[in-house]
Amino acid sequence: MARTKKAVAPEYDRDAWEYVTYAPGHKCSACMRTVKPLDPVLRGTIDRTSGAPAVIYRHDKCPTPDAVAT
C-alpha cells in the first residue's frame, strides 16, 4: 500500500474577510480579547486539514496586543 503525503493547511488570506458582524463572547484572532456585544468584528474562515473550515473573528479596528491592558 502506498503512503499518501500529509496535507498541509493553506495559509490564510487576511484580505479575504467575509463581512462585518457582531459576535459577542468570541475571541479576536489578533489580540485574543473577548469581543464585547457592540464591537464590530470581521468574520472569516480558515481551512483545516481535517474537518470543516474554522470560523474566526477579528475586531474591525483591532488594537495591537501590546496596547491591550490585561
C-alpha atoms as a PDB file:
ATOM      1  CA  MET A   1       0.000   0.000   0.000  1.00  0.00           C
ATOM      2  CA  ALA A   2       1.413   3.402  -0.976  1.00  0.00           C
ATOM      3  CA  ARG A   3       1.700   6.133   1.616  1.00  0.00           C
ATOM      4  CA  THR A   4      -0.055   9.386   0.910  1.00  0.00           C
ATOM      5  CA  LYS A   5       1.559  12.741   1.510  1.00  0.00           C
ATOM      6  CA  LYS A   6       0.195  14.540   4.573  1.00  0.00           C
ATOM      7  CA  ALA A   7      -1.970  17.521   3.627  1.00  0.00           C
ATOM      8  CA  VAL A   8      -0.899  20.943   4.834  1.00  0.00           C
ATOM      9  CA  ALA A   9      -3.453  23.601   5.688  1.00  0.00           C
ATOM     10  CA  PRO A  10      -3.186  26.560   3.298  1.00  0.00           C
ATOM     11  CA  GLU A  11      -2.120  29.980   4.536  1.00  0.00           C
ATOM     12  CA  TYR A  12      -4.971  32.327   5.383  1.00  0.00           C
ATOM     13  CA  ASP A  13      -5.525  35.298   3.085  1.00  0.00           C
ATOM     14  CA  ARG A  14      -6.008  38.135   5.590  1.00  0.00           C
ATOM     15  CA  ASP A  15      -7.701  40.346   2.978  1.00  0.00           C
ATOM     16  CA  ALA A  16     -10.485  37.831   2.338  1.00  0.00           C
ATOM     17  CA  TRP A  17     -12.800  38.723   5.222  1.00  0.00           C
ATOM     18  CA  GLU A  18     -16.424  37.819   4.518  1.00  0.00           C
ATOM     19  CA  TYR A  19     -18.341  40.637   6.225  1.00  0.00           C
ATOM     20  CA  VAL A  20     -18.611  42.837   9.307  1.00  0.00           C
ATOM     21  CA  THR A  21     -20.843  41.477  12.074  1.00  0.00           C
ATOM     22  CA  TYR A  22     -21.250  41.326  15.854  1.00  0.00           C
ATOM     23  CA  ALA A  23     -20.057  38.217  17.704  1.00  0.00           C
ATOM     24  CA  PRO A  24     -20.193  38.788  21.456  1.00  0.00           C
ATOM     25  CA  GLY A  25     -18.383  36.188  23.517  1.00  0.00           C
ATOM     26  CA  HIS A  26     -15.985  35.045  20.761  1.00  0.00           C
ATOM     27  CA  LYS A  27     -12.242  35.773  20.875  1.00  0.00           C
ATOM     28  CA  CYS A  28     -10.473  38.117  18.455  1.00  0.00           C
ATOM     29  CA  SER A  29      -7.884  36.153  16.446  1.00  0.00           C
ATOM     30  CA  ALA A  30      -5.390  39.045  16.573  1.00  0.00           C
ATOM     31  CA  CYS A  31      -5.466  40.406  20.131  1.00  0.00           C
ATOM     32  CA  MET A  32      -7.138  37.367  21.807  1.00  0.00           C
ATOM     33  CA  ARG A  33      -9.572  39.626  23.737  1.00  0.00           C
ATOM     34  CA  THR A  34     -13.207  38.620  24.155  1.00  0.00           C
ATOM     35  CA  VAL A  35     -15.495  40.505  21.767  1.00  0.00           C
ATOM     36  CA  LYS A  36     -17.969  42.787  23.563  1.00  0.00           C
ATOM     37  CA  PRO A  37     -21.652  42.947  22.472  1.00  0.00           C
ATOM     38  CA  LEU A  38     -21.358  46.148  20.392  1.00  0.00           C
ATOM     39  CA  ASP A  39     -17.828  45.637  18.984  1.00  0.00           C
ATOM     40  CA  PRO A  40     -17.937  45.301  15.174  1.00  0.00           C
ATOM     41  CA  VAL A  41     -15.812  42.352  14.012  1.00  0.00           C
ATOM     42  CA  LEU A  42     -14.735  40.913  10.679  1.00  0.00           C
ATOM     43  CA  ARG A  43     -15.783  37.302  10.044  1.00  0.00           C
ATOM     44  CA  GLY A  44     -13.524  34.921   8.167  1.00  0.00           C
ATOM     45  CA  THR A  45     -12.705  31.228   7.867  1.00  0.00           C
ATOM     46  CA  ILE A  46      -9.525  29.180   7.912  1.00  0.00           C
ATOM     47  CA  ASP A  47      -9.288  25.878   6.070  1.00  0.00           C
ATOM     48  CA  ARG A  48      -8.221  22.974   8.268  1.00  0.00           C
ATOM     49  CA  THR A  49      -6.533  19.765   7.214  1.00  0.00           C
ATOM     50  CA  SER A  50      -9.289  17.741   8.859  1.00  0.00           C
ATOM     51  CA  GLY A  51     -12.903  18.773   9.131  1.00  0.00           C
ATOM     52  CA  ALA A  52     -14.859  21.830   8.125  1.00  0.00           C
ATOM     53  CA  PRO A  53     -13.307  25.306   7.914  1.00  0.00           C
ATOM     54  CA  ALA A  54     -12.952  27.101  11.255  1.00  0.00           C
ATOM     55  CA  VAL A  55     -14.708  30.452  11.690  1.00  0.00           C
ATOM     56  CA  ILE A  56     -12.564  33.263  13.109  1.00  0.00           C
ATOM     57  CA  TYR A  57     -13.344  36.824  14.145  1.00  0.00           C
ATOM     58  CA  ARG A  58     -11.150  39.925  14.308  1.00  0.00           C
ATOM     59  CA  HIS A  59     -12.008  43.390  15.634  1.00  0.00           C
ATOM     60  CA  ASP A  60     -12.776  45.840  12.820  1.00  0.00           C
ATOM     61  CA  LYS A  61     -10.180  48.193  14.293  1.00  0.00           C
ATOM     62  CA  CYS A  62      -8.134  45.794  16.373  1.00  0.00           C
ATOM     63  CA  PRO A  63      -5.693  47.287  18.865  1.00  0.00           C
ATOM     64  CA  THR A  64      -2.208  45.839  18.889  1.00  0.00           C
ATOM     65  CA  PRO A  65      -1.614  43.173  21.548  1.00  0.00           C
ATOM     66  CA  ASP A  66       0.966  45.477  23.218  1.00  0.00           C
ATOM     67  CA  ALA A  67      -1.644  48.222  23.703  1.00  0.00           C
ATOM     68  CA  VAL A  68      -4.190  45.905  25.328  1.00  0.00           C
ATOM     69  CA  ALA A  69      -4.332  46.234  29.098  1.00  0.00           C
ATOM     70  CA  THR A  70      -4.639  42.913  30.899  1.00  0.00           C
END
